[in-house]
Amino acid sequence: MARPNLNKTEFVKSAAAPAQFVQSAMPRIAFAGKSNVGKSSVINRLLNRKNFARVGSEPGKTIHVNYFLIDGKAYFIDLPGYGFAKVSRAEKERWGKLMEDFFTGKDLYDRGVLIVDARHKPTADDVTMADYFKSTGEDFIVVANKLDKLKKSEIEPNLKLIRETLALDESVPLIPFSAEKGQGREELLQAIFPE
């Protein structure tokens, strides 16, 4: 599909329950990542906006499924951040249920973007999230954010570790990214909206 105009973006809704998930024939791109991985910053960088997807002062603030309409042609779906220690058990269970409903629901997204931290081995929660994406059979992309925090010599081994830990086959793009500096933005947009 042709790339939509990313400057024309509006917040549509927050869904707290499956009945509120958006059904649409337009492409829907779902973003997931653990609480402090910089998911909102990645979305903001893609949209060239400062604070469009709210950057939480505390991790774990996105507790709903948030929908943004891009140029009337596609949706970005911001899934709740996971793996944050300070939320209650009930909150974690609610999150798990919401994610399960999202990933087992029929036709709720068309492409996934899983954001992990380029500096560290993916967590057990990251692996679970990658498995969620794989289970639907839809295409997904892995973004290794915080690239600017790595030395050049660390990049390749870290990317290799991410690919191995998440058991990604070669068909899954793994994009080194820096929300801070904008590195990887063009590659990610190309993967999300292939011409």
C-alpha atoms as a PDB file:
ATOM      1  CA  MET A   1       0.000   0.000   0.000  1.00  0.00           C
ATOM      2  CA  ALA A   2       1.114   3.569  -0.578  1.00  0.00           C
ATOM      3  CA  ARG A   3       2.439   5.221   2.541  1.00  0.00           C
ATOM      4  CA  PRO A   4      -0.194   7.462   4.159  1.00  0.00           C
ATOM      5  CA  ASN A   5       0.533  11.044   5.150  1.00  0.00           C
ATOM      6  CA  LEU A   6       1.918  10.564   8.665  1.00  0.00           C
ATOM      7  CA  ASN A   7       1.296  14.216   9.526  1.00  0.00           C
ATOM      8  CA  LYS A   8      -2.444  13.604   9.403  1.00  0.00           C
ATOM      9  CA  THR A   9      -2.920  11.522  12.499  1.00  0.00           C
ATOM     10  CA  GLU A  10      -5.726  11.533  15.014  1.00  0.00           C
ATOM     11  CA  PHE A  11      -6.376   9.621  18.202  1.00  0.00           C
ATOM     12  CA  VAL A  12      -9.548   7.587  17.731  1.00  0.00           C
ATOM     13  CA  LYS A  13     -10.267   5.594  20.869  1.00  0.00           C
ATOM     14  CA  SER A  14      -9.041   3.508  23.803  1.00  0.00           C
ATOM     15  CA  ALA A  15     -10.461   0.010  23.988  1.00  0.00           C
ATOM     16  CA  ALA A  16     -10.672  -1.616  27.415  1.00  0.00           C
ATOM     17  CA  ALA A  17     -12.682  -4.637  26.271  1.00  0.00           C
ATOM     18  CA  PRO A  18     -12.937  -6.790  23.135  1.00  0.00           C
ATOM     19  CA  ALA A  19     -16.280  -5.259  22.120  1.00  0.00           C
ATOM     20  CA  GLN A  20     -14.438  -1.952  21.656  1.00  0.00           C
ATOM     21  CA  PHE A  21     -11.723  -3.298  19.325  1.00  0.00           C
ATOM     22  CA  VAL A  22     -11.812  -1.608  15.926  1.00  0.00           C
ATOM     23  CA  GLN A  23     -12.959  -3.733  12.998  1.00  0.00           C
ATOM     24  CA  SER A  24     -11.803  -2.206   9.734  1.00  0.00           C
ATOM     25  CA  ALA A  25     -10.830  -3.066   6.170  1.00  0.00           C
ATOM     26  CA  MET A  26      -7.980  -0.545   6.453  1.00  0.00           C
ATOM     27  CA  PRO A  27      -4.492  -1.826   7.351  1.00  0.00           C
ATOM     28  CA  ARG A  28      -3.991  -1.963  11.122  1.00  0.00           C
ATOM     29  CA  ILE A  29      -0.477  -2.055  12.542  1.00  0.00           C
ATOM     30  CA  ALA A  30      -0.185  -3.239  16.155  1.00  0.00           C
ATOM     31  CA  PHE A  31       2.753  -2.054  18.302  1.00  0.00           C
ATOM     32  CA  ALA A  32       3.796  -4.009  21.389  1.00  0.00           C
ATOM     33  CA  GLY A  33       6.689  -3.748  23.803  1.00  0.00           C
ATOM     34  CA  LYS A  34       7.535  -3.921  27.458  1.00  0.00           C
ATOM     35  CA  SER A  35       6.788  -0.961  29.659  1.00  0.00           C
ATOM     36  CA  ASN A  36      10.026   0.991  29.505  1.00  0.00           C
ATOM     37  CA  VAL A  37      11.258   0.021  26.038  1.00  0.00           C
ATOM     38  CA  GLY A  38      10.268   3.322  24.433  1.00  0.00           C
ATOM     39  CA  LYS A  39       7.209   2.132  22.500  1.00  0.00           C
ATOM     40  CA  SER A  40       5.478   5.530  22.585  1.00  0.00           C
ATOM     41  CA  SER A  41       8.754   7.176  21.566  1.00  0.00           C
ATOM     42  CA  VAL A  42       9.044   4.859  18.554  1.00  0.00           C
ATOM     43  CA  ILE A  43       5.471   5.689  17.481  1.00  0.00           C
ATOM     44  CA  ASN A  44       6.115   9.401  18.024  1.00  0.00           C
ATOM     45  CA  ARG A  45       9.313   9.176  15.954  1.00  0.00           C
ATOM     46  CA  LEU A  46       7.441   7.481  13.093  1.00  0.00           C
ATOM     47  CA  LEU A  47       4.801  10.215  13.171  1.00  0.00           C
ATOM     48  CA  ASN A  48       7.405  12.969  13.615  1.00  0.00           C
ATOM     49  CA  ARG A  49       5.462  14.163  16.645  1.00  0.00           C
ATOM     50  CA  LYS A  50       6.751  14.946  20.104  1.00  0.00           C
ATOM     51  CA  ASN A  51       4.023  13.656  22.362  1.00  0.00           C
ATOM     52  CA  PHE A  52       1.421  12.083  20.179  1.00  0.00           C
ATOM     53  CA  ALA A  53       1.430   8.625  21.695  1.00  0.00           C
ATOM     54  CA  ARG A  54       1.579   9.630  25.321  1.00  0.00           C
ATOM     55  CA  VAL A  55       4.982   8.979  26.804  1.00  0.00           C
ATOM     56  CA  GLY A  56       4.219   7.893  30.352  1.00  0.00           C
ATOM     57  CA  SER A  57       6.063   9.483  33.236  1.00  0.00           C
ATOM     58  CA  GLU A  58       5.751   6.044  34.774  1.00  0.00           C
ATOM     59  CA  PRO A  59       6.103   2.843  32.760  1.00  0.00           C
ATOM     60  CA  GLY A  60       2.951   0.767  32.494  1.00  0.00           C
ATOM     61  CA  LYS A  61       0.628   3.697  31.837  1.00  0.00           C
ATOM     62  CA  THR A  62      -0.818   2.391  28.553  1.00  0.00           C
ATOM     63  CA  ILE A  63      -3.416   0.038  29.977  1.00  0.00           C
ATOM     64  CA  HIS A  64      -5.842   0.076  27.075  1.00  0.00           C
ATOM     65  CA  VAL A  65      -5.565  -0.708  23.400  1.00  0.00           C
ATOM     66  CA  ASN A  66      -5.208   2.739  21.816  1.00  0.00           C
ATOM     67  CA  TYR A  67      -6.117   3.418  18.192  1.00  0.00           C
ATOM     68  CA  PHE A  68      -4.680   6.190  16.026  1.00  0.00           C
ATOM     69  CA  LEU A  69      -6.020   6.858  12.526  1.00  0.00           C
ATOM     70  CA  ILE A  70      -3.309   7.791  10.022  1.00  0.00           C
ATOM     71  CA  ASP A  71      -4.477   9.966   7.116  1.00  0.00           C
ATOM     72  CA  GLY A  72      -7.846   8.165   7.057  1.00  0.00           C
ATOM     73  CA  LYS A  73      -6.021   5.183   5.469  1.00  0.00           C
ATOM     74  CA  ALA A  74      -4.488   3.039   8.222  1.00  0.00           C
ATOM     75  CA  TYR A  75      -4.550   2.489  11.966  1.00  0.00           C
ATOM     76  CA  PHE A  76      -1.661   2.366  14.398  1.00  0.00           C
ATOM     77  CA  ILE A  77      -2.661   0.272  17.417  1.00  0.00           C
ATOM     78  CA  ASP A  78      -0.731   0.939  20.617  1.00  0.00           C
ATOM     79  CA  LEU A  79      -0.986  -2.171  22.802  1.00  0.00           C
ATOM     80  CA  PRO A  80      -0.513  -1.900  26.581  1.00  0.00           C
ATOM     81  CA  GLY A  81       3.094  -2.174  27.779  1.00  0.00           C
ATOM     82  CA  TYR A  82       3.898  -5.390  29.626  1.00  0.00           C
ATOM     83  CA  GLY A  83       6.289  -6.756  32.210  1.00  0.00           C
ATOM     84  CA  PHE A  84       6.255  -3.820  34.588  1.00  0.00           C
ATOM     85  CA  ALA A  85       6.809  -4.959  38.157  1.00  0.00           C
ATOM     86  CA  LYS A  86       4.873  -2.254  39.973  1.00  0.00           C
ATOM     87  CA  VAL A  87       1.399  -3.127  38.705  1.00  0.00           C
ATOM     88  CA  SER A  88      -0.871  -5.277  40.822  1.00  0.00           C
ATOM     89  CA  ARG A  89      -1.520  -8.916  40.094  1.00  0.00           C
ATOM     90  CA  ALA A  90      -5.127  -8.098  39.128  1.00  0.00           C
ATOM     91  CA  GLU A  91      -3.834  -5.512  36.649  1.00  0.00           C
ATOM     92  CA  LYS A  92      -1.430  -8.060  35.149  1.00  0.00           C
ATOM     93  CA  GLU A  93      -4.257 -10.566  34.799  1.00  0.00           C
ATOM     94  CA  ARG A  94      -6.484  -7.953  33.161  1.00  0.00           C
ATOM     95  CA  TRP A  95      -3.659  -7.165  30.735  1.00  0.00           C
ATOM     96  CA  GLY A  96      -3.136 -10.862  29.954  1.00  0.00           C
ATOM     97  CA  LYS A  97      -6.840 -11.335  29.263  1.00  0.00           C
ATOM     98  CA  LEU A  98      -7.007  -8.243  27.046  1.00  0.00           C
ATOM     99  CA  MET A  99      -3.984  -9.419  25.037  1.00  0.00           C
ATOM    100  CA  GLU A 100      -5.373 -12.914  24.718  1.00  0.00           C
ATOM    101  CA  ASP A 101      -8.664 -11.491  23.447  1.00  0.00           C
ATOM    102  CA  PHE A 102      -6.791  -9.270  21.007  1.00  0.00           C
ATOM    103  CA  PHE A 103      -4.603 -12.033  19.581  1.00  0.00           C
ATOM    104  CA  THR A 104      -7.301 -14.719  19.454  1.00  0.00           C
ATOM    105  CA  GLY A 105      -9.907 -12.311  18.068  1.00  0.00           C
ATOM    106  CA  LYS A 106     -10.745 -12.583  14.411  1.00  0.00           C
ATOM    107  CA  ASP A 107      -8.948 -10.220  12.058  1.00  0.00           C
ATOM    108  CA  LEU A 108      -7.999  -7.455  14.521  1.00  0.00           C
ATOM    109  CA  TYR A 109      -4.683  -6.396  12.996  1.00  0.00           C
ATOM    110  CA  ASP A 110      -2.694  -6.880   9.785  1.00  0.00           C
ATOM    111  CA  ARG A 111       0.944  -6.393  10.773  1.00  0.00           C
ATOM    112  CA  GLY A 112       2.715  -6.433  14.120  1.00  0.00           C
ATOM    113  CA  VAL A 113       5.657  -4.421  15.422  1.00  0.00           C
ATOM    114  CA  LEU A 114       7.380  -5.844  18.502  1.00  0.00           C
ATOM    115  CA  ILE A 115       9.761  -3.391  20.163  1.00  0.00           C
ATOM    116  CA  VAL A 116      12.610  -4.800  22.245  1.00  0.00           C
ATOM    117  CA  ASP A 117      15.620  -3.211  23.924  1.00  0.00           C
ATOM    118  CA  ALA A 118      18.706  -3.456  21.679  1.00  0.00           C
ATOM    119  CA  ARG A 119      20.969  -3.491  24.762  1.00  0.00           C
ATOM    120  CA  HIS A 120      19.604  -6.609  26.444  1.00  0.00           C
ATOM    121  CA  LYS A 121      18.627 -10.180  25.802  1.00  0.00           C
ATOM    122  CA  PRO A 122      14.825 -10.264  25.251  1.00  0.00           C
ATOM    123  CA  THR A 123      12.875 -11.104  28.407  1.00  0.00           C
ATOM    124  CA  ALA A 124      10.499 -14.042  28.897  1.00  0.00           C
ATOM    125  CA  ASP A 125       7.644 -11.553  28.329  1.00  0.00           C
ATOM    126  CA  ASP A 126       9.206 -10.487  25.009  1.00  0.00           C
ATOM    127  CA  VAL A 127       9.350 -14.150  23.970  1.00  0.00           C
ATOM    128  CA  THR A 128       5.682 -14.592  24.938  1.00  0.00           C
ATOM    129  CA  MET A 129       4.763 -11.515  22.907  1.00  0.00           C
ATOM    130  CA  ALA A 130       6.703 -12.776  19.866  1.00  0.00           C
ATOM    131  CA  ASP A 131       4.818 -16.080  20.216  1.00  0.00           C
ATOM    132  CA  TYR A 132       1.502 -14.184  20.306  1.00  0.00           C
ATOM    133  CA  PHE A 133       2.410 -12.499  17.029  1.00  0.00           C
ATOM    134  CA  LYS A 134       3.570 -15.772  15.457  1.00  0.00           C
ATOM    135  CA  SER A 135       0.366 -17.549  16.535  1.00  0.00           C
ATOM    136  CA  THR A 136      -1.822 -15.306  14.357  1.00  0.00           C
ATOM    137  CA  GLY A 137       0.132 -15.954  11.172  1.00  0.00           C
ATOM    138  CA  GLU A 138       0.247 -12.219  10.357  1.00  0.00           C
ATOM    139  CA  ASP A 139       3.529 -10.583   9.332  1.00  0.00           C
ATOM    140  CA  PHE A 140       5.484  -8.953  12.103  1.00  0.00           C
ATOM    141  CA  ILE A 141       8.588  -6.846  12.467  1.00  0.00           C
ATOM    142  CA  VAL A 142      10.954  -6.679  15.434  1.00  0.00           C
ATOM    143  CA  VAL A 143      12.432  -3.296  16.302  1.00  0.00           C
ATOM    144  CA  ALA A 144      15.590  -3.178  18.441  1.00  0.00           C
ATOM    145  CA  ASN A 145      15.197   0.268  20.046  1.00  0.00           C
ATOM    146  CA  LYS A 146      17.801   2.279  21.979  1.00  0.00           C
ATOM    147  CA  LEU A 147      20.468   1.644  19.344  1.00  0.00           C
ATOM    148  CA  ASP A 148      22.112   4.958  20.273  1.00  0.00           C
ATOM    149  CA  LYS A 149      23.046   3.436  23.649  1.00  0.00           C
ATOM    150  CA  LEU A 150      25.199   0.707  22.043  1.00  0.00           C
ATOM    151  CA  LYS A 151      28.800   0.756  20.895  1.00  0.00           C
ATOM    152  CA  LYS A 152      29.220  -0.100  17.213  1.00  0.00           C
ATOM    153  CA  SER A 153      30.920  -3.392  18.112  1.00  0.00           C
ATOM    154  CA  GLU A 154      27.895  -4.456  20.218  1.00  0.00           C
ATOM    155  CA  ILE A 155      25.253  -4.059  17.525  1.00  0.00           C
ATOM    156  CA  GLU A 156      25.713  -7.261  15.482  1.00  0.00           C
ATOM    157  CA  PRO A 157      26.113  -9.665  18.448  1.00  0.00           C
ATOM    158  CA  ASN A 158      23.096  -8.092  20.177  1.00  0.00           C
ATOM    159  CA  LEU A 159      20.915  -8.395  17.072  1.00  0.00           C
ATOM    160  CA  LYS A 160      21.995 -12.031  16.709  1.00  0.00           C
ATOM    161  CA  LEU A 161      21.055 -12.703  20.358  1.00  0.00           C
ATOM    162  CA  ILE A 162      17.642 -11.050  19.864  1.00  0.00           C
ATOM    163  CA  ARG A 163      16.950 -13.126  16.741  1.00  0.00           C
ATOM    164  CA  GLU A 164      17.974 -16.365  18.521  1.00  0.00           C
ATOM    165  CA  THR A 165      16.120 -15.652  21.774  1.00  0.00           C
ATOM    166  CA  LEU A 166      12.873 -14.783  19.995  1.00  0.00           C
ATOM    167  CA  ALA A 167      13.376 -17.721  17.577  1.00  0.00           C
ATOM    168  CA  LEU A 168      12.790 -15.475  14.556  1.00  0.00           C
ATOM    169  CA  ASP A 169      13.140 -17.001  11.154  1.00  0.00           C
ATOM    170  CA  GLU A 170      14.848 -15.049   8.383  1.00  0.00           C
ATOM    171  CA  SER A 171      11.543 -13.765   7.019  1.00  0.00           C
ATOM    172  CA  VAL A 172      11.019 -11.576  10.127  1.00  0.00           C
ATOM    173  CA  PRO A 173      12.720  -8.185   9.701  1.00  0.00           C
ATOM    174  CA  LEU A 174      14.828  -7.116  12.699  1.00  0.00           C
ATOM    175  CA  ILE A 175      15.402  -3.376  12.511  1.00  0.00           C
ATOM    176  CA  PRO A 176      18.011  -1.572  14.636  1.00  0.00           C
ATOM    177  CA  PHE A 177      16.327   1.660  15.736  1.00  0.00           C
ATOM    178  CA  SER A 178      16.864   4.782  17.768  1.00  0.00           C
ATOM    179  CA  ALA A 179      13.723   6.711  18.720  1.00  0.00           C
ATOM    180  CA  GLU A 180      16.108   9.285  20.154  1.00  0.00           C
ATOM    181  CA  LYS A 181      18.103   9.879  16.950  1.00  0.00           C
ATOM    182  CA  GLY A 182      15.717   8.661  14.259  1.00  0.00           C
ATOM    183  CA  GLN A 183      17.983   5.856  12.993  1.00  0.00           C
ATOM    184  CA  GLY A 184      15.939   3.058  11.411  1.00  0.00           C
ATOM    185  CA  ARG A 185      12.832   5.217  10.856  1.00  0.00           C
ATOM    186  CA  GLU A 186      12.869   4.892   7.061  1.00  0.00           C
ATOM    187  CA  GLU A 187      13.540   1.122   7.197  1.00  0.00           C
ATOM    188  CA  LEU A 188      10.689   0.617   9.641  1.00  0.00           C
ATOM    189  CA  LEU A 189       8.228   2.680   7.592  1.00  0.00           C
ATOM    190  CA  GLN A 190       9.289   0.705   4.515  1.00  0.00           C
ATOM    191  CA  ALA A 191       8.575  -2.572   6.359  1.00  0.00           C
ATOM    192  CA  ILE A 192       5.209  -1.324   7.687  1.00  0.00           C
ATOM    193  CA  PHE A 193       4.048   0.145   4.381  1.00  0.00           C
ATOM    194  CA  PRO A 194       5.782  -1.870   1.659  1.00  0.00           C
ATOM    195  CA  GLU A 195       5.193  -0.139  -1.679  1.00  0.00           C
END
